[in-house]
N, C-alpha and C. Protein backbone atom coordinates (compact mmCIF):
# COMPACT_ATOMS: atom_id res chain seq x y z
N HIS A 1 134.42 104.66 64.65
CA HIS A 1 133.80 104.50 65.99
C HIS A 1 133.11 105.58 66.72
N GLY A 2 133.51 107.18 66.72
CA GLY A 2 132.57 107.58 67.29
C GLY A 2 131.28 108.27 66.66
N GLU A 3 130.95 108.01 65.29
CA GLU A 3 129.57 107.64 64.81
C GLU A 3 129.11 106.91 65.68
N ASN A 4 129.10 106.12 65.52
CA ASN A 4 128.74 104.50 66.52
C ASN A 4 128.24 104.94 67.44
N GLU A 5 129.10 105.17 68.40
CA GLU A 5 129.39 105.35 69.79
C GLU A 5 128.22 106.53 69.94
N GLY A 6 127.80 107.18 69.31
CA GLY A 6 126.65 108.17 69.64
C GLY A 6 125.76 107.85 69.05
N ALA A 7 125.35 106.88 68.29
CA ALA A 7 124.01 106.22 68.08
C ALA A 7 123.79 105.39 69.11
N LEU A 8 124.67 104.68 69.31
CA LEU A 8 124.48 103.51 70.67
C LEU A 8 124.07 104.26 71.75
N CYS A 9 124.59 105.34 72.31
CA CYS A 9 124.28 106.31 73.69
C CYS A 9 122.73 106.84 73.17
N LEU A 10 122.14 107.32 72.43
CA LEU A 10 121.18 107.77 71.78
C LEU A 10 119.87 106.87 71.91
N GLN A 11 119.83 105.43 71.55
CA GLN A 11 119.18 104.48 70.99
C GLN A 11 118.81 103.63 72.93
N SER A 12 120.30 104.01 73.66
CA SER A 12 120.03 103.55 74.84
C SER A 12 119.47 104.26 75.82
N SER A 13 119.54 105.54 75.55
CA SER A 13 118.77 106.52 76.26
C SER A 13 117.26 106.56 76.05
N SER A 14 117.08 106.11 74.68
CA SER A 14 115.48 106.35 74.21
C SER A 14 114.76 105.37 74.63
N LEU A 15 115.50 104.25 75.07
CA LEU A 15 115.02 103.08 75.22
C LEU A 15 114.64 103.41 77.19
N SER A 16 115.57 104.30 77.50
CA SER A 16 115.34 104.22 79.22
C SER A 16 113.97 104.95 78.90
N HIS A 17 113.72 106.08 78.36
CA HIS A 17 112.88 106.40 78.32
C HIS A 17 111.07 105.99 77.69
N ILE A 18 111.59 105.31 77.16
CA ILE A 18 110.34 103.99 76.84
C ILE A 18 110.15 102.85 77.53
N ARG A 19 110.97 102.64 78.43
CA ARG A 19 110.78 101.36 79.32
C ARG A 19 109.97 102.45 80.54
N LYS A 20 110.42 104.02 81.09
CA LYS A 20 109.60 104.50 81.71
C LYS A 20 107.89 104.54 81.36
N LEU A 21 107.80 105.29 80.53
CA LEU A 21 106.86 105.11 79.57
C LEU A 21 105.65 104.04 80.21
N PHE A 22 106.08 102.94 79.86
CA PHE A 22 105.81 101.37 80.00
C PHE A 22 105.37 100.87 81.60
N LEU A 23 106.36 101.70 82.02
CA LEU A 23 106.44 100.90 83.15
C LEU A 23 104.99 102.02 84.32
N PHE A 24 105.31 103.31 84.24
CA PHE A 24 104.28 103.90 84.68
C PHE A 24 102.77 104.18 84.29
N SER A 25 102.85 103.72 82.49
CA SER A 25 101.16 104.25 82.14
C SER A 25 100.10 103.93 82.97
N PRO A 26 100.00 102.49 83.56
CA PRO A 26 98.86 102.50 83.97
C PRO A 26 98.23 103.43 85.07
N LEU A 27 99.22 104.44 85.43
CA LEU A 27 99.09 104.94 86.86
C LEU A 27 98.17 106.22 86.00
N HIS A 28 98.14 106.63 84.27
CA HIS A 28 97.79 108.08 84.26
C HIS A 28 96.20 107.50 83.22
N PRO A 29 95.59 106.61 82.76
CA PRO A 29 94.33 107.34 82.86
C PRO A 29 93.15 107.61 83.07
N HIS A 30 93.50 107.23 85.02
CA HIS A 30 92.23 107.87 85.29
C HIS A 30 92.58 109.19 85.79
N ILE A 31 93.63 110.02 85.06
CA ILE A 31 93.76 111.48 85.40
C ILE A 31 93.02 112.36 84.72
N PRO A 32 92.66 112.28 83.88
CA PRO A 32 91.97 113.33 82.83
C PRO A 32 90.51 113.02 83.32
N PHE A 33 90.15 111.71 83.95
CA PHE A 33 88.45 111.31 84.13
C PHE A 33 88.30 112.15 85.69
N LYS A 34 89.22 111.79 86.62
CA LYS A 34 89.32 111.91 87.61
C LYS A 34 89.13 113.96 87.91
N MET A 35 90.12 114.50 86.61
CA MET A 35 89.87 116.19 87.06
C MET A 35 88.67 116.58 86.72
N ALA A 36 88.77 115.92 85.28
CA ALA A 36 87.55 116.63 84.55
C ALA A 36 85.43 116.21 85.05
N LEU A 37 85.79 115.13 85.98
CA LEU A 37 84.56 114.41 85.63
C LEU A 37 83.63 114.28 87.20
N ARG A 38 82.88 114.11 87.10
CA ARG A 38 81.60 114.01 88.53
C ARG A 38 81.44 112.53 87.75
N TYR A 39 81.98 111.24 88.22
CA TYR A 39 81.78 110.16 87.29
C TYR A 39 80.30 109.43 86.62
N ASP A 40 79.62 109.03 87.69
CA ASP A 40 78.41 108.17 87.72
C ASP A 40 77.73 108.80 86.58
N GLY A 41 77.49 107.64 85.59
CA GLY A 41 76.65 108.32 84.35
C GLY A 41 76.99 109.03 83.35
N LYS A 42 78.38 109.30 83.55
CA LYS A 42 78.80 110.30 82.20
C LYS A 42 79.28 109.29 81.26
N VAL A 43 79.63 109.68 80.24
CA VAL A 43 80.19 109.21 79.05
C VAL A 43 81.69 109.55 79.28
N ALA A 44 82.50 108.43 79.18
CA ALA A 44 83.87 108.73 78.85
C ALA A 44 84.56 108.12 77.14
N VAL A 45 84.68 108.78 76.46
CA VAL A 45 85.55 108.33 75.50
C VAL A 45 86.68 108.38 75.69
N VAL A 46 87.36 106.83 74.90
CA VAL A 46 88.57 106.59 75.13
C VAL A 46 89.06 106.16 73.48
N THR A 47 89.99 106.90 73.15
CA THR A 47 90.72 106.51 71.87
C THR A 47 91.37 105.22 72.12
N GLY A 48 92.00 104.98 71.33
CA GLY A 48 93.04 103.73 71.34
C GLY A 48 92.55 102.46 72.40
N ALA A 49 91.52 102.47 72.34
CA ALA A 49 90.86 101.56 73.78
C ALA A 49 90.80 100.08 73.68
N GLY A 50 91.58 99.65 72.32
CA GLY A 50 91.84 98.33 72.05
C GLY A 50 93.52 97.82 72.47
N GLY A 51 94.38 98.99 72.62
CA GLY A 51 95.47 98.95 73.22
C GLY A 51 96.32 98.95 74.72
N GLY A 52 96.94 98.67 75.03
CA GLY A 52 98.02 99.00 75.96
C GLY A 52 97.36 99.40 77.22
N LEU A 53 97.44 100.76 76.85
CA LEU A 53 96.89 101.59 77.81
C LEU A 53 95.34 102.07 77.59
N GLY A 54 94.59 101.90 76.54
CA GLY A 54 93.55 102.16 76.17
C GLY A 54 92.52 101.12 77.13
N HIS A 55 93.04 100.00 77.18
CA HIS A 55 91.85 98.96 78.14
C HIS A 55 92.22 99.18 79.80
N VAL A 56 93.18 99.49 80.05
CA VAL A 56 93.34 100.36 81.26
C VAL A 56 92.46 101.21 81.47
N ALA A 57 92.52 102.47 80.75
CA ALA A 57 91.31 103.65 81.26
C ALA A 57 89.99 102.94 80.65
N ILE A 58 89.76 101.73 79.96
CA ILE A 58 88.88 101.35 79.86
C ILE A 58 88.12 101.27 81.37
N GLN A 59 88.72 100.42 81.90
CA GLN A 59 88.73 99.63 83.57
C GLN A 59 88.45 100.62 84.31
N TYR A 60 89.44 101.85 84.58
CA TYR A 60 89.37 102.67 85.02
C TYR A 60 87.98 103.83 85.01
N ALA A 61 87.96 103.67 83.69
CA ALA A 61 86.37 104.51 83.83
C ALA A 61 85.18 103.88 84.29
N LYS A 62 85.05 102.38 83.88
CA LYS A 62 84.26 101.92 84.25
C LYS A 62 84.01 101.79 85.77
N ALA A 63 85.03 101.80 86.80
CA ALA A 63 85.39 101.36 88.38
C ALA A 63 84.97 102.78 88.23
N MET A 64 85.20 103.90 88.24
CA MET A 64 84.27 104.95 88.48
C MET A 64 82.93 105.34 87.97
N GLY A 65 82.27 104.48 87.80
CA GLY A 65 81.18 104.29 87.45
C GLY A 65 80.62 104.89 86.23
N MET A 66 81.63 105.26 84.98
CA MET A 66 81.01 105.66 83.73
C MET A 66 80.57 104.83 82.64
N ASN A 67 80.09 105.55 81.75
CA ASN A 67 79.21 104.54 80.49
C ASN A 67 80.67 104.64 79.38
N VAL A 68 81.35 103.78 78.76
CA VAL A 68 82.16 104.13 78.27
C VAL A 68 82.01 103.69 76.74
N ILE A 69 82.74 104.61 75.77
CA ILE A 69 82.60 104.09 74.06
C ILE A 69 83.98 103.93 74.10
N GLY A 70 84.38 102.97 73.86
CA GLY A 70 85.88 102.50 73.12
C GLY A 70 85.90 102.75 71.83
N ILE A 71 86.98 103.40 71.28
CA ILE A 71 87.28 103.52 69.62
C ILE A 71 88.63 103.28 69.27
N ASP A 72 88.59 102.26 68.40
CA ASP A 72 90.01 101.62 67.85
C ASP A 72 89.38 100.85 66.36
N GLY A 73 90.60 100.31 65.87
CA GLY A 73 90.61 99.64 64.65
C GLY A 73 90.43 98.09 64.72
N GLY A 74 89.08 97.55 64.16
CA GLY A 74 88.98 96.42 64.46
C GLY A 74 89.17 95.69 65.85
N LYS A 75 88.97 96.24 67.10
CA LYS A 75 89.14 95.50 68.46
C LYS A 75 87.52 95.46 69.36
N ASN A 76 86.58 95.62 68.18
CA ASN A 76 85.31 95.81 69.28
C ASN A 76 85.12 94.71 70.03
N GLU A 77 85.34 93.30 69.81
CA GLU A 77 85.72 92.51 70.92
C GLU A 77 86.01 92.74 71.97
N PHE A 78 87.63 92.51 71.86
CA PHE A 78 88.09 93.09 72.95
C PHE A 78 87.38 94.23 74.26
N MET A 79 87.33 95.29 73.09
CA MET A 79 86.98 96.52 73.89
C MET A 79 85.84 96.21 74.90
N LYS A 80 85.22 95.74 74.59
CA LYS A 80 83.61 94.70 75.21
C LYS A 80 83.76 93.97 76.54
N ARG A 81 85.52 93.36 76.05
CA ARG A 81 85.56 92.30 76.98
C ARG A 81 86.00 93.10 78.39
N MET A 82 86.87 93.98 78.08
CA MET A 82 87.60 95.26 78.66
C MET A 82 86.80 95.71 79.88
N GLY A 83 85.26 95.96 79.47
CA GLY A 83 84.15 96.54 80.19
C GLY A 83 83.18 97.76 78.93
N ALA A 84 83.92 97.98 77.70
CA ALA A 84 83.29 99.45 77.25
C ALA A 84 81.90 99.17 77.11
N ASP A 85 81.28 99.71 77.24
CA ASP A 85 79.57 99.76 76.57
C ASP A 85 78.84 99.71 75.42
N HIS A 86 80.15 100.75 74.38
CA HIS A 86 79.89 100.26 73.17
C HIS A 86 81.81 100.46 72.34
N ALA A 87 81.52 99.98 71.31
CA ALA A 87 82.78 99.91 70.74
C ALA A 87 82.57 100.19 69.37
N ILE A 88 83.51 101.10 68.98
CA ILE A 88 83.28 102.13 67.87
C ILE A 88 84.40 101.26 66.61
N ASP A 89 85.00 101.16 65.49
CA ASP A 89 85.67 100.89 64.80
C ASP A 89 85.94 101.57 63.90
N PHE A 90 86.67 102.30 63.93
CA PHE A 90 87.36 103.82 62.96
C PHE A 90 87.88 103.56 62.04
N LYS A 91 87.94 101.78 61.72
CA LYS A 91 88.15 101.66 59.82
C LYS A 91 86.89 101.59 59.18
N THR A 92 85.85 100.94 59.93
CA THR A 92 85.00 100.93 59.16
C THR A 92 83.61 102.07 59.63
N CYS A 93 83.45 102.63 60.44
CA CYS A 93 82.79 103.78 61.03
C CYS A 93 83.32 105.18 60.34
N LYS A 94 81.82 105.34 59.27
CA LYS A 94 82.41 106.69 58.37
C LYS A 94 82.37 107.85 59.45
N ASP A 95 81.57 108.05 60.26
CA ASP A 95 81.07 109.25 60.71
C ASP A 95 81.79 108.79 62.46
N VAL A 96 82.72 108.77 62.93
CA VAL A 96 82.92 108.35 64.75
C VAL A 96 82.36 109.16 65.41
N ALA A 97 82.33 110.87 65.39
CA ALA A 97 81.85 111.34 65.99
C ALA A 97 80.21 111.47 66.27
N GLY A 98 79.82 110.99 64.90
CA GLY A 98 78.65 111.26 64.45
C GLY A 98 77.78 109.49 65.32
N GLU A 99 78.68 108.66 65.46
CA GLU A 99 78.09 107.14 66.02
C GLU A 99 78.17 107.64 67.72
N VAL A 100 79.13 108.85 67.88
CA VAL A 100 79.14 109.18 69.63
C VAL A 100 78.27 109.68 69.61
N LYS A 101 77.46 110.49 69.07
CA LYS A 101 76.40 111.32 69.58
C LYS A 101 75.13 110.08 69.37
N LYS A 102 75.06 109.10 68.50
CA LYS A 102 74.18 108.31 68.15
C LYS A 102 73.89 107.24 69.26
N VAL A 103 75.37 106.80 69.99
CA VAL A 103 75.12 105.67 70.81
C VAL A 103 74.57 106.74 72.24
N THR A 104 75.06 108.09 72.35
CA THR A 104 74.72 108.98 73.27
C THR A 104 73.56 109.46 73.55
N GLY A 105 72.28 109.47 72.61
CA GLY A 105 71.26 110.02 72.19
C GLY A 105 71.40 111.41 71.83
N GLY A 106 72.35 112.07 71.06
CA GLY A 106 72.40 113.43 70.74
C GLY A 106 73.33 114.06 71.98
N GLU A 107 73.37 113.84 72.79
CA GLU A 107 74.06 114.43 74.03
C GLU A 107 75.93 114.41 73.72
N GLY A 108 76.75 113.26 73.76
CA GLY A 108 77.63 113.15 72.88
C GLY A 108 78.26 112.86 74.64
N ALA A 109 80.07 112.62 74.51
CA ALA A 109 80.34 111.96 75.76
C ALA A 109 81.01 113.45 76.74
N HIS A 110 80.70 113.32 78.08
CA HIS A 110 81.24 114.06 79.04
C HIS A 110 82.74 114.13 78.71
N GLY A 111 83.83 113.52 78.51
CA GLY A 111 85.12 113.58 78.88
C GLY A 111 85.92 112.48 78.01
N ALA A 112 87.50 112.95 77.20
CA ALA A 112 87.74 111.51 76.32
C ALA A 112 89.25 111.64 76.70
N LEU A 113 89.98 110.53 76.16
CA LEU A 113 90.91 110.41 76.90
C LEU A 113 91.58 109.80 75.28
């Protein structure tokens, strides 16, 4: 009884924290961009760009006037539909950093999330 009760309590507590992360996560992607950059024309790299938080980050960055490079595995079409200017599939690209430099004309990104 006591051993199972503790496990249930831990699971309940963990679920509560997970729910809070999901509930408030759309508010966070803009913070690194807002703090680090003057936006127009800057290049932002969004890792995990095909996921729940990543695709929101793409939209925030685009709304701020940035050029966005999305990085994820096998979700290039989705990242482009969300607004990414370039999409890199880390599963097939052998040199992700090199690809970022290539699409930015050797300059690289101004910020990353």
